[in-house]
Amino acid sequence: MTENHDLAPEADVTEQQLPAVETADLPVETRVPMEANPADVAEQAAPVPYDEDDDFRPST
């Protein structure tokens, strides 16, 4: 698509910059396979704590 904003109506340009679906209001639904181990599902659903040591990257 060409970048000729002089010919595009301003309302259309503004609308095209908005997200197609507002996901902030939609609940996140996680599907779990029937054969999944419930303990594994619970462990994977737990949030991972932030660790400052993970940010360390030795310079090369």
N, C-alpha and C. Protein backbone atom coordinates (compact mmCIF):
# COMPACT_ATOMS: atom_id res chain seq x y z
N MET A 1 0.85 -1.18 0.00
CA MET A 1 0.00 0.00 0.00
C MET A 1 0.89 1.23 0.00
N THR A 2 0.49 2.19 -0.74
CA THR A 2 1.30 3.40 -0.83
C THR A 2 1.05 4.30 0.36
N GLU A 3 1.99 5.13 0.65
CA GLU A 3 1.92 6.05 1.80
C GLU A 3 1.49 7.44 1.32
N ASN A 4 0.36 7.54 0.64
CA ASN A 4 -0.14 8.81 0.14
C ASN A 4 -1.29 9.27 1.03
N HIS A 5 -0.94 9.89 2.17
CA HIS A 5 -1.94 10.29 3.15
C HIS A 5 -2.71 11.55 2.72
N ASP A 6 -2.25 12.22 1.67
CA ASP A 6 -2.95 13.41 1.21
C ASP A 6 -4.30 13.06 0.60
N LEU A 7 -4.43 11.85 0.03
CA LEU A 7 -5.66 11.45 -0.63
C LEU A 7 -6.57 10.64 0.29
N ALA A 8 -6.09 10.20 1.43
CA ALA A 8 -6.87 9.37 2.35
C ALA A 8 -7.67 10.26 3.29
N PRO A 9 -8.98 9.96 3.46
CA PRO A 9 -9.78 10.72 4.43
C PRO A 9 -9.22 10.52 5.84
N GLU A 10 -9.20 11.60 6.60
CA GLU A 10 -8.60 11.56 7.94
C GLU A 10 -9.30 10.55 8.85
N ALA A 11 -10.62 10.43 8.73
CA ALA A 11 -11.36 9.48 9.57
C ALA A 11 -10.92 8.05 9.27
N ASP A 12 -10.67 7.74 8.00
CA ASP A 12 -10.22 6.39 7.64
C ASP A 12 -8.82 6.11 8.17
N VAL A 13 -7.95 7.08 8.09
CA VAL A 13 -6.58 6.91 8.57
C VAL A 13 -6.59 6.67 10.07
N THR A 14 -7.41 7.43 10.79
CA THR A 14 -7.51 7.28 12.24
C THR A 14 -8.07 5.90 12.60
N GLU A 15 -9.10 5.46 11.89
CA GLU A 15 -9.72 4.17 12.17
C GLU A 15 -8.75 3.02 11.89
N GLN A 16 -7.95 3.13 10.86
CA GLN A 16 -7.02 2.06 10.52
C GLN A 16 -5.88 1.94 11.52
N GLN A 17 -5.65 2.97 12.31
CA GLN A 17 -4.59 2.91 13.32
C GLN A 17 -5.08 2.26 14.61
N LEU A 18 -6.38 2.05 14.76
CA LEU A 18 -6.94 1.41 15.96
C LEU A 18 -6.83 -0.11 15.85
N PRO A 19 -6.73 -0.81 16.99
CA PRO A 19 -6.70 -2.27 16.93
C PRO A 19 -8.05 -2.80 16.45
N ALA A 20 -8.04 -3.93 15.76
CA ALA A 20 -9.26 -4.50 15.21
C ALA A 20 -10.19 -4.98 16.31
N VAL A 21 -9.61 -5.55 17.36
CA VAL A 21 -10.40 -6.07 18.48
C VAL A 21 -9.80 -5.55 19.77
N GLU A 22 -10.64 -5.01 20.62
CA GLU A 22 -10.16 -4.56 21.92
C GLU A 22 -10.12 -5.77 22.85
N THR A 23 -8.92 -6.27 23.11
CA THR A 23 -8.78 -7.50 23.89
C THR A 23 -8.72 -7.24 25.39
N ALA A 24 -8.66 -6.01 25.83
CA ALA A 24 -8.54 -5.73 27.25
C ALA A 24 -9.79 -6.15 28.01
N ASP A 25 -10.95 -6.10 27.37
CA ASP A 25 -12.20 -6.44 28.04
C ASP A 25 -12.54 -7.92 27.95
N LEU A 26 -11.85 -8.67 27.08
CA LEU A 26 -12.17 -10.07 26.90
C LEU A 26 -11.39 -10.93 27.88
N PRO A 27 -12.06 -11.87 28.56
CA PRO A 27 -11.32 -12.75 29.47
C PRO A 27 -10.46 -13.74 28.68
N VAL A 28 -9.35 -14.08 29.25
CA VAL A 28 -8.46 -15.04 28.60
C VAL A 28 -8.92 -16.44 28.98
N GLU A 29 -9.22 -17.24 27.98
CA GLU A 29 -9.69 -18.60 28.23
C GLU A 29 -8.59 -19.57 27.82
N THR A 30 -8.16 -20.38 28.77
CA THR A 30 -7.11 -21.36 28.49
C THR A 30 -7.75 -22.72 28.32
N ARG A 31 -7.46 -23.37 27.21
CA ARG A 31 -7.99 -24.70 26.97
C ARG A 31 -6.95 -25.73 27.39
N VAL A 32 -7.43 -26.75 28.06
CA VAL A 32 -6.56 -27.80 28.56
C VAL A 32 -6.96 -29.11 27.90
N PRO A 33 -6.01 -29.83 27.30
CA PRO A 33 -6.35 -31.13 26.70
C PRO A 33 -6.86 -32.11 27.75
N MET A 34 -7.72 -33.01 27.36
CA MET A 34 -8.30 -33.99 28.29
C MET A 34 -7.22 -34.88 28.90
N GLU A 35 -6.17 -35.18 28.15
CA GLU A 35 -5.15 -36.10 28.63
C GLU A 35 -4.06 -35.40 29.46
N ALA A 36 -4.21 -34.11 29.71
CA ALA A 36 -3.20 -33.37 30.47
C ALA A 36 -3.26 -33.75 31.95
N ASN A 37 -2.08 -33.85 32.55
CA ASN A 37 -1.97 -34.13 33.97
C ASN A 37 -2.36 -32.86 34.74
N PRO A 38 -3.31 -32.93 35.67
CA PRO A 38 -3.74 -31.73 36.39
C PRO A 38 -2.60 -31.03 37.14
N ALA A 39 -1.64 -31.79 37.66
CA ALA A 39 -0.51 -31.17 38.35
C ALA A 39 0.35 -30.38 37.37
N ASP A 40 0.55 -30.90 36.17
CA ASP A 40 1.32 -30.18 35.16
C ASP A 40 0.60 -28.91 34.73
N VAL A 41 -0.70 -28.99 34.58
CA VAL A 41 -1.49 -27.82 34.18
C VAL A 41 -1.38 -26.73 35.24
N ALA A 42 -1.48 -27.11 36.51
CA ALA A 42 -1.39 -26.13 37.59
C ALA A 42 -0.01 -25.51 37.64
N GLU A 43 1.03 -26.32 37.44
CA GLU A 43 2.40 -25.80 37.48
C GLU A 43 2.65 -24.84 36.33
N GLN A 44 2.15 -25.15 35.15
CA GLN A 44 2.37 -24.29 33.99
C GLN A 44 1.55 -23.01 34.07
N ALA A 45 0.47 -23.00 34.83
CA ALA A 45 -0.37 -21.81 34.96
C ALA A 45 0.20 -20.83 35.98
N ALA A 46 1.13 -21.29 36.82
CA ALA A 46 1.70 -20.42 37.86
C ALA A 46 2.59 -19.36 37.22
N PRO A 47 2.51 -18.11 37.70
CA PRO A 47 3.37 -17.06 37.13
C PRO A 47 4.84 -17.30 37.48
N VAL A 48 5.70 -16.94 36.56
CA VAL A 48 7.14 -17.10 36.76
C VAL A 48 7.66 -15.85 37.48
N PRO A 49 8.34 -16.02 38.62
CA PRO A 49 8.85 -14.84 39.33
C PRO A 49 10.00 -14.18 38.55
N TYR A 50 10.07 -12.88 38.68
CA TYR A 50 11.14 -12.13 38.03
C TYR A 50 12.43 -12.30 38.83
N ASP A 51 13.50 -12.61 38.13
CA ASP A 51 14.80 -12.80 38.76
C ASP A 51 15.81 -11.91 38.04
N GLU A 52 16.45 -11.01 38.78
CA GLU A 52 17.41 -10.09 38.16
C GLU A 52 18.60 -10.83 37.57
N ASP A 53 18.93 -11.99 38.07
CA ASP A 53 20.05 -12.75 37.53
C ASP A 53 19.78 -13.22 36.10
N ASP A 54 18.50 -13.34 35.72
CA ASP A 54 18.17 -13.75 34.37
C ASP A 54 18.52 -12.68 33.34
N ASP A 55 18.63 -11.42 33.79
CA ASP A 55 18.94 -10.33 32.87
C ASP A 55 20.43 -10.24 32.55
N PHE A 56 21.26 -10.95 33.29
CA PHE A 56 22.70 -10.86 33.08
C PHE A 56 23.09 -11.60 31.81
N ARG A 57 23.75 -10.88 30.94
CA ARG A 57 24.29 -11.48 29.72
C ARG A 57 25.74 -11.05 29.61
N PRO A 58 26.64 -12.00 29.62
CA PRO A 58 28.05 -11.62 29.52
C PRO A 58 28.34 -10.96 28.17
N SER A 59 29.17 -9.96 28.20
CA SER A 59 29.53 -9.27 26.96
C SER A 59 30.43 -10.16 26.14
N THR A 60 30.24 -10.10 24.83
CA THR A 60 31.07 -10.93 23.94
C THR A 60 32.07 -10.10 23.20
